[in-house]
Amino acid sequence: MLKLIWIVVSVILIILIFLRTPKNQGLASFSTKSNLLGSPSSAELFLNNLTIILMVSYFAFAFFFNFLS
């Protein structure tokens, strides 16, 4: 059961990482001035927090399964 949860967490984490938009847009960010020094939106902040929580839980499962075997 725990390994199934670990697999689901890893798949969701991979999807979240691939769905992220890149921050570095080159010189285009200077011309549009969009979010150059501003704070991230609430949706982006939620995705950042969710990614961090899933990463911590993934590594916790990895350490648990490593010490179990």
N, C-alpha and C. Protein backbone atom coordinates (compact mmCIF):
# COMPACT_ATOMS: atom_id res chain seq x y z
N MET A 1 0.82 -1.19 0.00
CA MET A 1 0.00 0.00 0.00
C MET A 1 0.87 1.26 0.00
N LEU A 2 1.92 1.25 0.82
CA LEU A 2 2.80 2.42 0.87
C LEU A 2 3.57 2.61 -0.43
N LYS A 3 3.93 1.51 -1.07
CA LYS A 3 4.64 1.64 -2.34
C LYS A 3 3.73 2.21 -3.43
N LEU A 4 2.46 1.90 -3.37
CA LEU A 4 1.51 2.46 -4.32
C LEU A 4 1.39 3.98 -4.12
N ILE A 5 1.33 4.42 -2.88
CA ILE A 5 1.28 5.85 -2.58
C ILE A 5 2.57 6.52 -3.06
N TRP A 6 3.70 5.85 -2.87
CA TRP A 6 4.99 6.39 -3.30
C TRP A 6 5.04 6.55 -4.82
N ILE A 7 4.49 5.57 -5.53
CA ILE A 7 4.46 5.65 -6.99
C ILE A 7 3.55 6.77 -7.46
N VAL A 8 2.39 6.93 -6.82
CA VAL A 8 1.46 8.00 -7.19
C VAL A 8 2.09 9.36 -6.92
N VAL A 9 2.77 9.51 -5.78
CA VAL A 9 3.44 10.77 -5.47
C VAL A 9 4.52 11.07 -6.49
N SER A 10 5.27 10.07 -6.90
CA SER A 10 6.34 10.32 -7.87
C SER A 10 5.78 10.70 -9.24
N VAL A 11 4.68 10.08 -9.66
CA VAL A 11 4.07 10.42 -10.95
C VAL A 11 3.51 11.84 -10.92
N ILE A 12 2.82 12.20 -9.85
CA ILE A 12 2.29 13.57 -9.73
C ILE A 12 3.41 14.58 -9.69
N LEU A 13 4.49 14.26 -9.02
CA LEU A 13 5.64 15.16 -8.94
C LEU A 13 6.28 15.35 -10.31
N ILE A 14 6.41 14.30 -11.08
CA ILE A 14 6.96 14.41 -12.43
C ILE A 14 6.06 15.27 -13.31
N ILE A 15 4.77 15.07 -13.23
CA ILE A 15 3.83 15.87 -14.02
C ILE A 15 3.90 17.34 -13.63
N LEU A 16 3.96 17.62 -12.33
CA LEU A 16 4.06 19.00 -11.87
C LEU A 16 5.34 19.68 -12.34
N ILE A 17 6.42 18.97 -12.33
CA ILE A 17 7.69 19.56 -12.76
C ILE A 17 7.67 19.84 -14.25
N PHE A 18 7.09 18.94 -15.04
CA PHE A 18 7.04 19.17 -16.48
C PHE A 18 6.05 20.26 -16.87
N LEU A 19 5.03 20.50 -16.06
CA LEU A 19 4.04 21.52 -16.38
C LEU A 19 4.50 22.93 -16.02
N ARG A 20 5.55 23.04 -15.25
CA ARG A 20 6.03 24.36 -14.84
C ARG A 20 6.55 25.13 -16.03
N THR A 21 6.28 26.43 -16.05
CA THR A 21 6.80 27.28 -17.11
C THR A 21 8.19 27.74 -16.71
N PRO A 22 9.10 27.84 -17.66
CA PRO A 22 10.45 28.28 -17.32
C PRO A 22 10.46 29.76 -16.92
N LYS A 23 11.30 30.09 -15.95
CA LYS A 23 11.38 31.47 -15.46
C LYS A 23 12.24 32.34 -16.36
N ASN A 24 13.28 31.78 -16.93
CA ASN A 24 14.21 32.57 -17.73
C ASN A 24 13.68 32.68 -19.15
N GLN A 25 13.31 33.89 -19.55
CA GLN A 25 12.79 34.09 -20.89
C GLN A 25 13.74 34.93 -21.73
N GLY A 26 14.93 35.13 -21.27
CA GLY A 26 15.91 35.90 -22.01
C GLY A 26 15.61 37.38 -21.99
N LEU A 27 15.84 38.04 -23.11
CA LEU A 27 15.61 39.48 -23.20
C LEU A 27 14.14 39.83 -23.32
N ALA A 28 13.30 38.85 -23.57
CA ALA A 28 11.86 39.13 -23.68
C ALA A 28 11.28 39.60 -22.36
N SER A 29 11.85 39.15 -21.23
CA SER A 29 11.32 39.57 -19.93
C SER A 29 11.59 41.05 -19.67
N PHE A 30 12.67 41.60 -20.25
CA PHE A 30 12.95 43.01 -20.08
C PHE A 30 12.00 43.88 -20.90
N SER A 31 11.59 43.40 -22.05
CA SER A 31 10.73 44.20 -22.90
C SER A 31 9.28 44.21 -22.42
N THR A 32 8.82 43.11 -21.83
CA THR A 32 7.43 43.05 -21.39
C THR A 32 7.28 43.46 -19.93
N LYS A 33 8.34 43.36 -19.14
CA LYS A 33 8.35 43.71 -17.72
C LYS A 33 7.28 42.93 -16.93
N SER A 34 7.02 41.71 -17.29
CA SER A 34 6.02 40.90 -16.60
C SER A 34 6.68 40.09 -15.50
N ASN A 35 6.27 40.35 -14.27
CA ASN A 35 6.76 39.63 -13.09
C ASN A 35 8.28 39.65 -13.00
N LEU A 36 8.89 40.78 -13.34
CA LEU A 36 10.34 40.87 -13.30
C LEU A 36 10.84 40.83 -11.86
N LEU A 37 10.25 41.66 -11.01
CA LEU A 37 10.62 41.65 -9.60
C LEU A 37 9.41 41.42 -8.71
N GLY A 38 8.28 41.16 -9.28
CA GLY A 38 7.06 41.00 -8.50
C GLY A 38 6.98 39.65 -7.82
N SER A 39 6.03 39.54 -6.90
CA SER A 39 5.84 38.28 -6.20
C SER A 39 5.02 37.34 -7.08
N PRO A 40 5.17 36.04 -6.87
CA PRO A 40 4.40 35.10 -7.68
C PRO A 40 2.92 35.16 -7.34
N SER A 41 2.09 34.79 -8.28
CA SER A 41 0.66 34.78 -8.05
C SER A 41 0.29 33.69 -7.05
N SER A 42 -0.95 33.71 -6.61
CA SER A 42 -1.36 32.72 -5.61
C SER A 42 -1.37 31.31 -6.18
N ALA A 43 -1.70 31.16 -7.46
CA ALA A 43 -1.67 29.82 -8.07
C ALA A 43 -0.25 29.31 -8.16
N GLU A 44 0.68 30.17 -8.53
CA GLU A 44 2.08 29.75 -8.63
C GLU A 44 2.65 29.44 -7.25
N LEU A 45 2.24 30.21 -6.26
CA LEU A 45 2.68 29.95 -4.88
C LEU A 45 2.14 28.62 -4.39
N PHE A 46 0.89 28.32 -4.72
CA PHE A 46 0.30 27.03 -4.35
C PHE A 46 1.05 25.89 -5.02
N LEU A 47 1.38 26.04 -6.31
CA LEU A 47 2.12 24.99 -7.01
C LEU A 47 3.52 24.81 -6.44
N ASN A 48 4.15 25.91 -6.05
CA ASN A 48 5.47 25.81 -5.41
C ASN A 48 5.38 25.03 -4.11
N ASN A 49 4.39 25.37 -3.28
CA ASN A 49 4.23 24.67 -2.00
C ASN A 49 3.88 23.20 -2.20
N LEU A 50 3.00 22.92 -3.17
CA LEU A 50 2.63 21.53 -3.45
C LEU A 50 3.83 20.73 -3.94
N THR A 51 4.65 21.33 -4.78
CA THR A 51 5.85 20.64 -5.27
C THR A 51 6.82 20.34 -4.14
N ILE A 52 7.00 21.29 -3.24
CA ILE A 52 7.90 21.08 -2.09
C ILE A 52 7.37 19.99 -1.18
N ILE A 53 6.07 20.00 -0.91
CA ILE A 53 5.48 18.98 -0.04
C ILE A 53 5.61 17.60 -0.66
N LEU A 54 5.36 17.49 -1.97
CA LEU A 54 5.48 16.20 -2.64
C LEU A 54 6.93 15.73 -2.70
N MET A 55 7.86 16.65 -2.86
CA MET A 55 9.28 16.27 -2.86
C MET A 55 9.70 15.73 -1.50
N VAL A 56 9.29 16.40 -0.44
CA VAL A 56 9.64 15.95 0.90
C VAL A 56 9.02 14.59 1.19
N SER A 57 7.76 14.40 0.80
CA SER A 57 7.12 13.10 1.04
C SER A 57 7.76 12.00 0.19
N TYR A 58 8.17 12.33 -1.05
CA TYR A 58 8.85 11.34 -1.88
C TYR A 58 10.16 10.89 -1.23
N PHE A 59 10.95 11.85 -0.76
CA PHE A 59 12.22 11.48 -0.13
C PHE A 59 12.00 10.76 1.20
N ALA A 60 10.95 11.10 1.91
CA ALA A 60 10.65 10.38 3.16
C ALA A 60 10.32 8.92 2.86
N PHE A 61 9.50 8.69 1.82
CA PHE A 61 9.20 7.30 1.43
C PHE A 61 10.47 6.59 0.96
N ALA A 62 11.32 7.28 0.22
CA ALA A 62 12.56 6.66 -0.27
C ALA A 62 13.46 6.24 0.88
N PHE A 63 13.63 7.13 1.87
CA PHE A 63 14.44 6.77 3.04
C PHE A 63 13.81 5.64 3.82
N PHE A 64 12.48 5.66 3.96
CA PHE A 64 11.79 4.60 4.70
C PHE A 64 11.99 3.25 4.02
N PHE A 65 11.81 3.20 2.69
CA PHE A 65 11.96 1.94 1.98
C PHE A 65 13.43 1.50 1.93
N ASN A 66 14.35 2.44 1.97
CA ASN A 66 15.77 2.08 1.99
C ASN A 66 16.15 1.45 3.32
N PHE A 67 15.66 2.00 4.41
CA PHE A 67 15.98 1.43 5.72
C PHE A 67 15.20 0.15 6.00
N LEU A 68 14.08 -0.03 5.30
CA LEU A 68 13.26 -1.22 5.48
C LEU A 68 13.94 -2.45 4.89
N SER A 69 14.66 -2.25 3.80
CA SER A 69 15.28 -3.42 3.15
C SER A 69 16.67 -3.69 3.66
